[in-house]
Amino acid sequence: MDSVICTLFERDYHYGVGALVNSLYRLGFRGTVYAGYRGAVPPWAAAARRESRYSELAVAPGLLLRFVPLSTSAHLTNYKPDFMLSLWADYCPQAAALFYFDPDILLQCRWSFFEEWVRFGVAVCADINPLLPADHPLRHAWREYFEPHGFRFTQPQSIAFNAGFVGLSRRYANFLQTWQRLQQLMEPAIDGLQNTFVQDRTFLFHWTDQDAFNIATMACAEPLSPAGLDGMDFMHGGGFCIMTHAAGGGVKPWKKKMLWSALRAIPPRRTDKAFWKNVNAPIRLYSPLRQAVKKLDLLAASALGRYIHL
């Protein structure tokens, strides 16, 4: 399958992009990754060749990373469907499938599984707190807001999905148009798509991209193929996972002081360990000295974490 991958980032999230790309390559992906960004191209991509619409870095044999500069004023979490649609329209119209990953996600299983997954529907994953009953007051509020605009909610959902990942084959591309349209209609209620985390959770669009994404799963005509808490490593007690996602509002792995956190009874998570496993090749994100220091930090924190949990 001719698959294309994309992500969005700004500021220090470029570390997550590099680790994501490394995990993709390590687990079998070969092809092109598009990274939409604001700001500057990462320092580790200084060798990227400037083209008319993007800068291209040859990461490894069979793997290209293309940096697409963005001028949107929208918060990047609210720009996901727009970016994916623009890729299919203008950058990779030949792609049979398109996958979006947040830049704090790392793969944990073989790449070919993802291409198998999207044969069954739009690939989505349960959120950290997945229970959101079909008759929850938020779902009633969403229906009440969008039904006057012609939306019909034909897929009742009882699970909340995480908007950090979506994968779909071209035949299900209309899902992205539904998601995009919902966000456009949501914009007046949140005072612009540059905003996220609006008011508190009683407000129908508190977590803007998550809410629009979940509304799309209720209103779309395309079949879904949901993974559970195993999708993003949100299970208690570990076990197999498809991806690991540094979600939940905590410190991102590239900023985290591991030993200091362990001393505060917060041991390294699997996503922290996975990040440092994916910083060396084929993209080197840190100098050898910096990497060695951080790995010692991780080892000490892991040892202390085991002691804390005895």
Protein backbone atom coordinates (compact mmCIF):
# COMPACT_ATOMS: atom_id res chain seq x y z
CA MET A 1 0.00 0.00 0.00
CA ASP A 2 1.28 3.47 -0.91
CA SER A 3 0.93 5.16 2.48
CA VAL A 4 1.91 8.66 3.57
CA ILE A 5 2.41 9.81 7.16
CA CYS A 6 2.01 13.31 8.55
CA THR A 7 2.39 15.27 11.77
CA LEU A 8 2.28 18.88 12.99
CA PHE A 9 4.71 20.64 15.28
CA GLU A 10 6.24 23.86 16.55
CA ARG A 11 8.90 24.80 19.12
CA ASP A 12 10.59 21.91 20.93
CA TYR A 13 8.09 19.34 19.65
CA HIS A 14 10.61 18.77 16.87
CA TYR A 15 12.28 16.29 19.25
CA GLY A 16 9.09 14.26 19.21
CA VAL A 17 8.96 14.42 15.41
CA GLY A 18 12.50 13.05 15.13
CA ALA A 19 11.78 10.21 17.56
CA LEU A 20 8.50 9.41 15.78
CA VAL A 21 10.29 9.17 12.43
CA ASN A 22 12.99 6.96 13.96
CA SER A 23 10.35 4.63 15.40
CA LEU A 24 8.60 4.46 12.03
CA TYR A 25 11.80 3.49 10.27
CA ARG A 26 12.81 0.97 12.94
CA LEU A 27 9.44 -0.78 12.64
CA GLY A 28 9.36 -1.01 8.88
CA PHE A 29 7.89 2.13 7.34
CA ARG A 30 9.40 3.24 4.04
CA GLY A 31 7.97 6.21 2.24
CA THR A 32 7.37 9.91 2.89
CA VAL A 33 6.54 11.73 6.10
CA TYR A 34 5.14 15.28 5.91
CA ALA A 35 5.68 17.53 8.93
CA GLY A 36 3.72 20.77 8.94
CA TYR A 37 5.44 23.35 11.13
CA ARG A 38 5.56 26.90 12.38
CA GLY A 39 8.87 28.51 13.29
CA ALA A 40 12.12 27.02 12.03
CA VAL A 41 13.23 23.69 10.60
CA PRO A 42 14.82 21.64 13.44
CA PRO A 43 18.57 21.91 13.97
CA TRP A 44 18.96 18.18 13.30
CA ALA A 45 17.50 18.78 9.82
CA ALA A 46 20.07 21.39 8.75
CA ALA A 47 20.92 19.26 5.70
CA ALA A 48 17.35 19.44 4.37
CA ARG A 49 17.20 20.57 0.74
CA ARG A 50 14.90 23.51 0.06
CA GLU A 51 12.22 22.88 -2.57
CA SER A 52 9.46 25.21 -3.75
CA ARG A 53 6.84 24.14 -1.19
CA TYR A 54 8.82 22.23 1.43
CA SER A 55 12.28 21.31 2.67
CA GLU A 56 13.23 17.69 2.11
CA LEU A 57 15.51 15.59 4.28
CA ALA A 58 16.66 12.17 3.06
CA VAL A 59 16.53 10.42 6.43
CA ALA A 60 17.60 6.93 5.37
CA PRO A 61 17.30 4.68 2.32
CA GLY A 62 13.63 4.69 1.37
CA LEU A 63 12.57 7.36 3.88
CA LEU A 64 11.98 11.05 3.13
CA LEU A 65 10.91 13.73 5.61
CA ARG A 66 9.34 16.84 4.11
CA PHE A 67 8.89 19.99 6.22
CA VAL A 68 5.90 22.07 5.08
CA PRO A 69 5.83 25.66 6.43
CA LEU A 70 2.41 26.76 7.66
CA SER A 71 0.88 30.23 7.75
CA THR A 72 -2.34 29.33 9.54
CA SER A 73 -3.27 31.22 12.70
CA ALA A 74 -5.20 28.21 14.00
CA HIS A 75 -3.85 26.24 16.94
CA LEU A 76 -2.14 23.28 15.31
CA THR A 77 -4.35 20.85 17.22
CA ASN A 78 -7.27 22.39 15.33
CA TYR A 79 -5.52 22.14 11.95
CA LYS A 80 -5.26 18.38 11.55
CA PRO A 81 -8.05 17.70 9.02
CA ASP A 82 -7.10 20.78 7.00
CA PHE A 83 -3.48 19.64 6.76
CA MET A 84 -4.40 16.09 5.82
CA LEU A 85 -6.82 17.25 3.12
CA SER A 86 -4.21 19.65 1.72
CA LEU A 87 -1.71 16.79 1.49
CA TRP A 88 -4.07 14.56 -0.44
CA ALA A 89 -5.08 17.45 -2.72
CA ASP A 90 -1.71 19.10 -3.41
CA TYR A 91 1.25 17.04 -2.20
CA CYS A 92 0.55 13.33 -2.41
CA PRO A 93 -2.61 12.73 -4.48
CA GLN A 94 -1.35 9.23 -5.29
CA ALA A 95 -1.36 8.08 -1.65
CA ALA A 96 -3.65 5.13 -1.03
CA ALA A 97 -3.73 5.80 2.73
CA LEU A 98 -2.90 8.70 5.01
CA PHE A 99 -1.94 8.54 8.69
CA TYR A 100 -1.68 11.38 11.18
CA PHE A 101 0.38 11.02 14.40
CA ASP A 102 0.82 13.65 17.11
CA PRO A 103 4.54 14.42 17.59
CA ASP A 104 4.52 12.84 21.06
CA ILE A 105 3.56 9.39 19.74
CA LEU A 106 5.93 6.48 19.06
CA LEU A 107 5.17 3.22 17.30
CA GLN A 108 5.41 0.00 19.27
CA CYS A 109 4.47 -2.60 16.65
CA ARG A 110 5.28 -3.45 13.03
CA TRP A 111 4.31 -0.82 10.47
CA SER A 112 2.47 -3.33 8.25
CA PHE A 113 -0.18 -3.69 10.98
CA PHE A 114 -1.29 -0.09 10.37
CA GLU A 115 -1.80 -0.71 6.66
CA GLU A 116 -3.82 -3.82 7.48
CA TRP A 117 -5.85 -1.82 10.03
CA VAL A 118 -7.15 0.82 7.59
CA ARG A 119 -8.64 -1.85 5.35
CA PHE A 120 -11.42 -2.20 7.93
CA GLY A 121 -12.40 1.46 8.38
CA VAL A 122 -11.12 4.72 9.83
CA ALA A 123 -8.48 3.72 12.39
CA VAL A 124 -9.02 5.43 15.77
CA CYS A 125 -7.95 4.81 19.38
CA ALA A 126 -9.71 5.11 22.72
CA ASP A 127 -8.74 8.09 24.88
CA ILE A 128 -7.18 7.94 28.35
CA ASN A 129 -10.63 8.21 29.95
CA PRO A 130 -12.66 6.41 27.31
CA LEU A 131 -16.12 6.17 28.84
CA LEU A 132 -18.51 8.70 27.31
CA PRO A 133 -21.98 7.09 27.09
CA ALA A 134 -24.10 7.57 24.01
CA ASP A 135 -26.61 9.60 26.02
CA HIS A 136 -24.05 11.69 27.88
CA PRO A 137 -25.17 15.34 28.16
CA LEU A 138 -22.18 16.43 26.09
CA ARG A 139 -23.27 14.22 23.21
CA HIS A 140 -26.78 15.66 23.46
CA ALA A 141 -25.30 19.18 23.37
CA TRP A 142 -23.20 18.34 20.32
CA ARG A 143 -26.21 16.99 18.45
CA GLU A 144 -28.28 20.01 19.42
CA TYR A 145 -25.58 22.37 18.10
CA PHE A 146 -24.91 20.67 14.77
CA GLU A 147 -28.23 19.18 13.67
CA PRO A 148 -29.54 22.59 12.50
CA HIS A 149 -26.55 22.64 10.13
CA GLY A 150 -27.69 19.44 8.44
CA PHE A 151 -25.66 16.86 10.35
CA ARG A 152 -27.25 13.54 11.19
CA PHE A 153 -25.71 11.45 13.94
CA THR A 154 -26.03 7.93 12.63
CA GLN A 155 -23.18 6.28 14.58
CA PRO A 156 -23.89 6.35 18.33
CA GLN A 157 -20.65 6.10 20.29
CA SER A 158 -20.02 5.20 23.90
CA ILE A 159 -16.22 5.54 23.72
CA ALA A 160 -14.26 8.80 23.63
CA PHE A 161 -11.48 8.70 21.04
CA ASN A 162 -8.10 10.42 21.12
CA ALA A 163 -7.49 12.89 18.27
CA GLY A 164 -3.73 12.31 18.36
CA PHE A 165 -3.95 9.58 15.73
CA VAL A 166 -6.10 8.77 12.75
CA GLY A 167 -5.49 6.56 9.76
CA LEU A 168 -7.66 6.08 6.71
CA SER A 169 -7.61 4.81 3.17
CA ARG A 170 -8.58 7.12 0.32
CA ARG A 171 -12.07 5.66 0.02
CA TYR A 172 -12.82 6.99 3.52
CA ALA A 173 -11.35 10.47 2.92
CA ASN A 174 -14.76 12.12 3.41
CA PHE A 175 -14.26 11.57 7.13
CA LEU A 176 -11.70 14.39 7.03
CA GLN A 177 -14.16 16.72 5.29
CA THR A 178 -16.75 16.00 7.98
CA TRP A 179 -14.18 16.72 10.72
CA GLN A 180 -13.06 19.92 8.99
CA ARG A 181 -16.63 21.18 8.52
CA LEU A 182 -17.49 20.52 12.16
CA GLN A 183 -14.49 22.59 13.26
CA GLN A 184 -15.50 25.42 10.94
CA LEU A 185 -18.97 25.47 12.48
CA MET A 186 -17.48 25.24 15.96
CA GLU A 187 -15.25 28.29 15.43
CA PRO A 188 -17.74 31.04 16.46
CA ALA A 189 -18.52 29.24 19.72
CA ILE A 190 -14.84 29.09 20.75
CA ASP A 191 -13.95 32.59 19.50
CA GLY A 192 -11.60 31.34 16.81
CA LEU A 193 -9.66 28.18 15.96
CA GLN A 194 -6.54 29.65 17.55
CA ASN A 195 -8.08 28.63 20.87
CA THR A 196 -8.14 25.29 22.63
CA PHE A 197 -9.15 24.19 26.15
CA VAL A 198 -12.10 26.61 26.18
CA GLN A 199 -13.94 27.19 29.47
CA ASP A 200 -14.44 24.03 31.59
CA ARG A 201 -15.58 20.52 30.69
CA THR A 202 -19.25 21.42 31.08
CA PHE A 203 -18.86 23.56 27.94
CA LEU A 204 -19.62 21.55 24.82
CA PHE A 205 -16.30 22.48 23.13
CA HIS A 206 -13.87 22.47 26.05
CA TRP A 207 -11.11 20.41 24.37
CA THR A 208 -11.59 21.65 20.84
CA ASP A 209 -9.80 19.16 18.59
CA GLN A 210 -10.83 16.19 20.71
CA ASP A 211 -14.46 17.26 20.75
CA ALA A 212 -14.63 17.93 17.00
CA PHE A 213 -12.94 14.58 16.31
CA ASN A 214 -15.38 12.69 18.51
CA ILE A 215 -18.34 14.49 16.97
CA ALA A 216 -17.03 13.44 13.54
CA THR A 217 -17.08 9.79 14.61
CA MET A 218 -20.78 10.21 15.43
CA ALA A 219 -21.69 12.08 12.24
CA CYS A 220 -19.57 10.40 9.57
CA ALA A 221 -20.84 7.85 7.07
CA GLU A 222 -17.56 5.92 7.03
CA PRO A 223 -17.03 2.77 9.14
CA LEU A 224 -14.69 3.02 12.11
CA SER A 225 -12.14 0.49 13.31
CA PRO A 226 -11.45 1.42 16.94
CA ALA A 227 -8.60 0.17 19.09
CA GLY A 228 -9.07 0.23 22.85
CA LEU A 229 -6.70 1.42 25.56
CA ASP A 230 -4.03 -0.76 23.94
CA GLY A 231 -3.98 1.63 21.00
CA MET A 232 -2.02 4.37 22.77
CA ASP A 233 -0.60 2.59 25.80
CA PHE A 234 -3.25 3.82 28.21
CA MET A 235 -3.78 0.44 29.93
CA HIS A 236 -3.10 0.07 33.63
CA GLY A 237 -0.39 -2.48 34.25
CA GLY A 238 1.25 -2.31 30.81
CA GLY A 239 0.92 -5.11 28.28
CA PHE A 240 0.92 -5.01 24.47
CA CYS A 241 0.30 -1.65 22.83
CA ILE A 242 0.16 -0.43 19.24
CA MET A 243 1.60 3.01 20.00
CA THR A 244 2.75 4.84 23.10
CA HIS A 245 1.49 8.39 23.54
CA ALA A 246 2.89 10.93 25.99
CA ALA A 247 -0.58 12.36 26.53
CA GLY A 248 -2.38 13.50 29.64
CA GLY A 249 -0.85 16.91 30.29
CA GLY A 250 2.39 15.66 31.85
CA VAL A 251 5.92 16.76 31.02
CA LYS A 252 7.01 15.54 27.58
CA PRO A 253 9.85 12.99 27.56
CA TRP A 254 12.36 15.38 25.98
CA LYS A 255 11.79 17.92 28.76
CA LYS A 256 11.41 15.57 31.68
CA LYS A 257 14.02 15.34 34.44
CA MET A 258 13.66 11.64 35.03
CA LEU A 259 15.48 11.20 38.34
CA TRP A 260 13.90 14.32 39.81
CA SER A 261 10.47 13.02 38.83
CA ALA A 262 11.24 9.59 40.33
CA LEU A 263 12.23 11.24 43.60
CA ARG A 264 8.73 12.73 43.61
CA ALA A 265 7.28 9.20 43.19
CA ILE A 266 6.71 9.63 39.43
CA PRO A 267 8.85 6.89 37.82
CA PRO A 268 9.58 6.84 34.08
CA ARG A 269 6.69 5.74 31.92
CA ARG A 270 6.98 3.36 28.99
CA THR A 271 6.58 6.36 26.69
CA ASP A 272 9.59 8.04 28.34
CA LYS A 273 11.73 4.95 27.80
CA ALA A 274 10.49 4.58 24.22
CA PHE A 275 11.45 8.16 23.44
CA TRP A 276 15.08 7.66 24.52
CA LYS A 277 15.17 4.40 22.58
CA ASN A 278 14.39 6.37 19.42
CA VAL A 279 16.71 9.40 19.55
CA ASN A 280 19.79 7.97 17.86
CA ALA A 281 19.05 6.53 14.42
CA PRO A 282 18.51 7.18 11.66
CA ILE A 283 18.08 10.77 12.94
CA ARG A 284 20.49 11.76 15.71
CA LEU A 285 18.60 14.20 17.93
CA TYR A 286 21.31 14.83 20.54
CA SER A 287 25.05 14.90 20.81
CA PRO A 288 26.61 11.65 22.12
CA LEU A 289 27.42 13.36 25.43
CA ARG A 290 23.91 14.74 25.90
CA GLN A 291 22.39 11.39 25.02
CA ALA A 292 24.67 9.54 27.46
CA VAL A 293 23.78 11.92 30.30
CA LYS A 294 20.04 11.55 29.66
CA LYS A 295 20.28 7.76 29.47
CA LEU A 296 22.05 7.69 32.83
CA ASP A 297 19.26 9.90 34.16
CA LEU A 298 16.71 7.41 32.82
CA LEU A 299 18.54 4.38 34.24
CA ALA A 300 18.80 5.93 37.69
CA ALA A 301 15.15 6.97 37.63
CA SER A 302 14.06 3.50 36.50
CA ALA A 303 16.02 1.85 39.31
CA LEU A 304 14.52 4.21 41.85
CA GLY A 305 11.07 3.65 40.36
CA ARG A 306 11.35 -0.10 40.90
CA TYR A 307 12.34 0.51 44.52
CA ILE A 308 9.39 2.84 45.06
CA HIS A 309 6.99 0.20 43.74
CA LEU A 310 8.32 -2.67 45.86
